[in-house]
Structure formats: C-alpha cells, structure tokens
Amino acid sequence: MIGQITVFSGPERRRRWSEDERLEILNEAFAPGACVAEVARRRDVSTALVYTWRRKLRDAHSEPEPDDLAVPGFAAAVMIEDVDIAPSGQQPAIVIELARGKRISIFASASPALVASALKALR
C-alpha cells in the first residue's frame, strides 16, 4: 500500500515577532487617536495578539501583589466619631484604605449605582 504525503511550500504558518517589532506595534496601536484594529490589519497581526502582548508587557512591569490579598476575606471596619463634623457633602461618608497607601472616599451624595460600581471595581 502506498501512502500519500502533502507538502505545503511557502512561508511558515506561524510568524515570529521580535521584541522590537512587538513594542513598535504596541506603540503604534495605543498611540493617542490610533485604532488597534486598523494597526493590526496594516501590520498583518490579529487584534487579540496585540492585546495579549500588551497584557504580558503590563504584567512583566507591574508590582507583584502580596499573597495575603489574593485570598478573599473580611476587612475590619473602624467607626470614628469626629467632634469637628463638617457639613454633609464635604466629608466622605466612607473611606476605604487599600494596599500601598491608596484610598477611596465615598461621599453621602454619591448615587447607589456609583457606589456599587466603585465597590465592584475593588474586587
């Protein structure tokens, strides 16, 4: 019995991009006023790959998260009664202290939808 072999000639199916090419494409795609889809089409690369490169670059240069923040849990709530209470709307109703010295203030005048959005973003 004789087998049949099909040989595909031509360019390699998977393209290889150097680090410089990737950075050039990312700078072009995310420049002010640029459209990622247009840049990807012009450079013959998928938009998903452009976003993957951006995510990997961002992950490589971001600070590692402390391990204790990776596990969901409860946060301590501290109520502080202030003798010098400012008029409502000038002093935040809730102050959420985050890791690395970050802070979110929620005022009493904030809509429930805005508060819900802020709290969802903290997840």
C-alpha atoms as a PDB file:
ATOM      1  CA  MET A   1       0.000   0.000   0.000  1.00  0.00           C
ATOM      2  CA  ILE A   2       1.374   3.425  -0.985  1.00  0.00           C
ATOM      3  CA  GLY A   3       0.764   6.405   1.289  1.00  0.00           C
ATOM      4  CA  GLN A   4       0.212   9.948   0.168  1.00  0.00           C
ATOM      5  CA  ILE A   5       2.134  12.928   1.552  1.00  0.00           C
ATOM      6  CA  THR A   6       1.104  16.541   1.010  1.00  0.00           C
ATOM      7  CA  VAL A   7       3.899  19.115   1.173  1.00  0.00           C
ATOM      8  CA  PHE A   8       2.984  22.721   1.789  1.00  0.00           C
ATOM      9  CA  SER A   9       5.624  25.042   0.492  1.00  0.00           C
ATOM     10  CA  GLY A  10       5.767  28.719   1.241  1.00  0.00           C
ATOM     11  CA  PRO A  11       6.071  30.858   4.322  1.00  0.00           C
ATOM     12  CA  GLU A  12       5.969  29.394   7.801  1.00  0.00           C
ATOM     13  CA  ARG A  13       2.426  29.194   9.214  1.00  0.00           C
ATOM     14  CA  ARG A  14       3.378  30.862  12.498  1.00  0.00           C
ATOM     15  CA  ARG A  15       5.045  34.242  12.353  1.00  0.00           C
ATOM     16  CA  ARG A  16       7.767  35.237  14.758  1.00  0.00           C
ATOM     17  CA  TRP A  17       7.900  38.803  16.076  1.00  0.00           C
ATOM     18  CA  SER A  18      10.999  40.288  17.684  1.00  0.00           C
ATOM     19  CA  GLU A  19      10.681  42.283  20.896  1.00  0.00           C
ATOM     20  CA  ASP A  20      11.417  45.486  18.973  1.00  0.00           C
ATOM     21  CA  GLU A  21       8.675  44.721  16.434  1.00  0.00           C
ATOM     22  CA  ARG A  22       6.198  43.990  19.208  1.00  0.00           C
ATOM     23  CA  LEU A  23       6.986  47.250  21.011  1.00  0.00           C
ATOM     24  CA  GLU A  24       6.741  49.186  17.753  1.00  0.00           C
ATOM     25  CA  ILE A  25       3.314  47.688  17.005  1.00  0.00           C
ATOM     26  CA  LEU A  26       2.119  48.321  20.587  1.00  0.00           C
ATOM     27  CA  ASN A  27       3.296  51.945  20.496  1.00  0.00           C
ATOM     28  CA  GLU A  28       1.551  52.460  17.181  1.00  0.00           C
ATOM     29  CA  ALA A  29      -1.663  50.674  18.212  1.00  0.00           C
ATOM     30  CA  PHE A  30      -2.077  52.506  21.527  1.00  0.00           C
ATOM     31  CA  ALA A  31      -0.934  55.951  20.424  1.00  0.00           C
ATOM     32  CA  PRO A  32      -3.483  58.725  21.010  1.00  0.00           C
ATOM     33  CA  GLY A  33      -6.142  58.608  18.289  1.00  0.00           C
ATOM     34  CA  ALA A  34      -4.984  55.235  16.935  1.00  0.00           C
ATOM     35  CA  CYS A  35      -7.323  52.338  16.232  1.00  0.00           C
ATOM     36  CA  VAL A  36      -5.971  48.944  17.312  1.00  0.00           C
ATOM     37  CA  ALA A  37      -7.925  47.112  14.606  1.00  0.00           C
ATOM     38  CA  GLU A  38      -6.537  49.342  11.845  1.00  0.00           C
ATOM     39  CA  VAL A  39      -2.952  48.988  13.065  1.00  0.00           C
ATOM     40  CA  ALA A  40      -3.358  45.223  13.402  1.00  0.00           C
ATOM     41  CA  ARG A  41      -4.795  44.959   9.900  1.00  0.00           C
ATOM     42  CA  ARG A  42      -1.993  47.092   8.436  1.00  0.00           C
ATOM     43  CA  ARG A  43       0.698  45.077  10.288  1.00  0.00           C
ATOM     44  CA  ASP A  44      -0.987  41.732   9.472  1.00  0.00           C
ATOM     45  CA  VAL A  45      -1.424  40.646  13.097  1.00  0.00           C
ATOM     46  CA  SER A  46      -4.599  39.754  14.980  1.00  0.00           C
ATOM     47  CA  THR A  47      -6.038  42.256  17.441  1.00  0.00           C
ATOM     48  CA  ALA A  48      -6.166  39.522  20.086  1.00  0.00           C
ATOM     49  CA  LEU A  49      -2.406  39.074  19.784  1.00  0.00           C
ATOM     50  CA  VAL A  50      -1.845  42.833  20.167  1.00  0.00           C
ATOM     51  CA  TYR A  51      -3.889  42.837  23.388  1.00  0.00           C
ATOM     52  CA  THR A  52      -2.046  39.705  24.595  1.00  0.00           C
ATOM     53  CA  TRP A  53       1.299  41.431  24.042  1.00  0.00           C
ATOM     54  CA  ARG A  54       0.065  44.493  25.949  1.00  0.00           C
ATOM     55  CA  ARG A  55      -1.170  42.371  28.870  1.00  0.00           C
ATOM     56  CA  LYS A  56       2.117  40.426  29.065  1.00  0.00           C
ATOM     57  CA  LEU A  57       4.149  43.649  28.929  1.00  0.00           C
ATOM     58  CA  ARG A  58       1.995  45.200  31.662  1.00  0.00           C
ATOM     59  CA  ASP A  59       2.281  42.046  33.818  1.00  0.00           C
ATOM     60  CA  ALA A  60       6.058  41.970  33.382  1.00  0.00           C
ATOM     61  CA  HIS A  61       6.380  45.544  34.663  1.00  0.00           C
ATOM     62  CA  SER A  62       3.757  45.501  37.428  1.00  0.00           C
ATOM     63  CA  GLU A  63       4.444  45.063  41.128  1.00  0.00           C
ATOM     64  CA  PRO A  64       3.655  41.598  42.457  1.00  0.00           C
ATOM     65  CA  GLU A  65       0.556  41.519  44.621  1.00  0.00           C
ATOM     66  CA  PRO A  66       1.033  40.396  48.217  1.00  0.00           C
ATOM     67  CA  ASP A  67      -0.118  36.814  48.685  1.00  0.00           C
ATOM     68  CA  ASP A  68      -2.458  37.704  51.533  1.00  0.00           C
ATOM     69  CA  LEU A  69      -4.538  39.908  49.197  1.00  0.00           C
ATOM     70  CA  ALA A  70      -5.138  37.027  46.782  1.00  0.00           C
ATOM     71  CA  VAL A  71      -7.463  35.268  49.221  1.00  0.00           C
ATOM     72  CA  PRO A  72     -10.882  36.894  49.686  1.00  0.00           C
ATOM     73  CA  GLY A  73     -11.784  37.738  53.231  1.00  0.00           C
ATOM     74  CA  PHE A  74     -13.319  40.295  55.544  1.00  0.00           C
ATOM     75  CA  ALA A  75     -11.913  43.742  56.174  1.00  0.00           C
ATOM     76  CA  ALA A  76     -12.045  45.474  59.516  1.00  0.00           C
ATOM     77  CA  ALA A  77     -14.398  48.459  59.649  1.00  0.00           C
ATOM     78  CA  VAL A  78     -13.462  51.206  62.074  1.00  0.00           C
ATOM     79  CA  MET A  79     -16.026  53.835  63.101  1.00  0.00           C
ATOM     80  CA  ILE A  80     -14.508  57.147  64.120  1.00  0.00           C
ATOM     81  CA  GLU A  81     -16.694  59.783  65.680  1.00  0.00           C
ATOM     82  CA  ASP A  82     -15.363  63.183  64.744  1.00  0.00           C
ATOM     83  CA  VAL A  83     -16.064  66.091  67.061  1.00  0.00           C
ATOM     84  CA  ASP A  84     -15.479  68.598  64.271  1.00  0.00           C
ATOM     85  CA  ILE A  85     -18.091  67.272  61.858  1.00  0.00           C
ATOM     86  CA  ALA A  86     -18.140  69.132  58.555  1.00  0.00           C
ATOM     87  CA  PRO A  87     -21.448  69.799  56.783  1.00  0.00           C
ATOM     88  CA  SER A  88     -22.770  66.811  54.819  1.00  0.00           C
ATOM     89  CA  GLY A  89     -21.310  66.532  51.331  1.00  0.00           C
ATOM     90  CA  GLN A  90     -17.886  67.901  52.318  1.00  0.00           C
ATOM     91  CA  GLN A  91     -16.700  64.974  54.391  1.00  0.00           C
ATOM     92  CA  PRO A  92     -16.715  61.434  52.991  1.00  0.00           C
ATOM     93  CA  ALA A  93     -19.265  59.031  54.440  1.00  0.00           C
ATOM     94  CA  ILE A  94     -16.967  56.046  53.820  1.00  0.00           C
ATOM     95  CA  VAL A  95     -13.182  55.944  53.398  1.00  0.00           C
ATOM     96  CA  ILE A  96     -11.718  52.673  52.150  1.00  0.00           C
ATOM     97  CA  GLU A  97      -7.982  52.250  52.735  1.00  0.00           C
ATOM     98  CA  LEU A  98      -6.302  49.981  50.192  1.00  0.00           C
ATOM     99  CA  ALA A  99      -2.882  48.381  49.968  1.00  0.00           C
ATOM    100  CA  ARG A 100       0.143  50.555  49.183  1.00  0.00           C
ATOM    101  CA  GLY A 101      -1.393  53.673  50.709  1.00  0.00           C
ATOM    102  CA  LYS A 102      -4.248  54.066  48.228  1.00  0.00           C
ATOM    103  CA  ARG A 103      -7.580  55.401  49.484  1.00  0.00           C
ATOM    104  CA  ILE A 104     -11.133  55.630  48.098  1.00  0.00           C
ATOM    105  CA  SER A 105     -13.584  58.127  49.575  1.00  0.00           C
ATOM    106  CA  ILE A 106     -17.331  57.729  49.085  1.00  0.00           C
ATOM    107  CA  PHE A 107     -19.483  60.748  49.851  1.00  0.00           C
ATOM    108  CA  ALA A 108     -23.058  60.643  51.168  1.00  0.00           C
ATOM    109  CA  SER A 109     -24.230  62.405  47.998  1.00  0.00           C
ATOM    110  CA  ALA A 110     -22.967  59.552  45.776  1.00  0.00           C
ATOM    111  CA  SER A 111     -25.659  57.609  43.950  1.00  0.00           C
ATOM    112  CA  PRO A 112     -26.154  53.925  44.847  1.00  0.00           C
ATOM    113  CA  ALA A 113     -25.122  52.958  41.294  1.00  0.00           C
ATOM    114  CA  LEU A 114     -21.836  54.865  41.619  1.00  0.00           C
ATOM    115  CA  VAL A 115     -21.087  53.264  44.995  1.00  0.00           C
ATOM    116  CA  ALA A 116     -21.892  49.800  43.614  1.00  0.00           C
ATOM    117  CA  SER A 117     -19.581  50.415  40.632  1.00  0.00           C
ATOM    118  CA  ALA A 118     -16.746  51.558  42.901  1.00  0.00           C
ATOM    119  CA  LEU A 119     -17.117  48.533  45.163  1.00  0.00           C
ATOM    120  CA  LYS A 120     -17.243  46.136  42.175  1.00  0.00           C
ATOM    121  CA  ALA A 121     -14.024  47.678  40.868  1.00  0.00           C
ATOM    122  CA  LEU A 122     -12.321  46.794  44.163  1.00  0.00           C
ATOM    123  CA  ARG A 123     -12.811  43.073  43.629  1.00  0.00           C
END
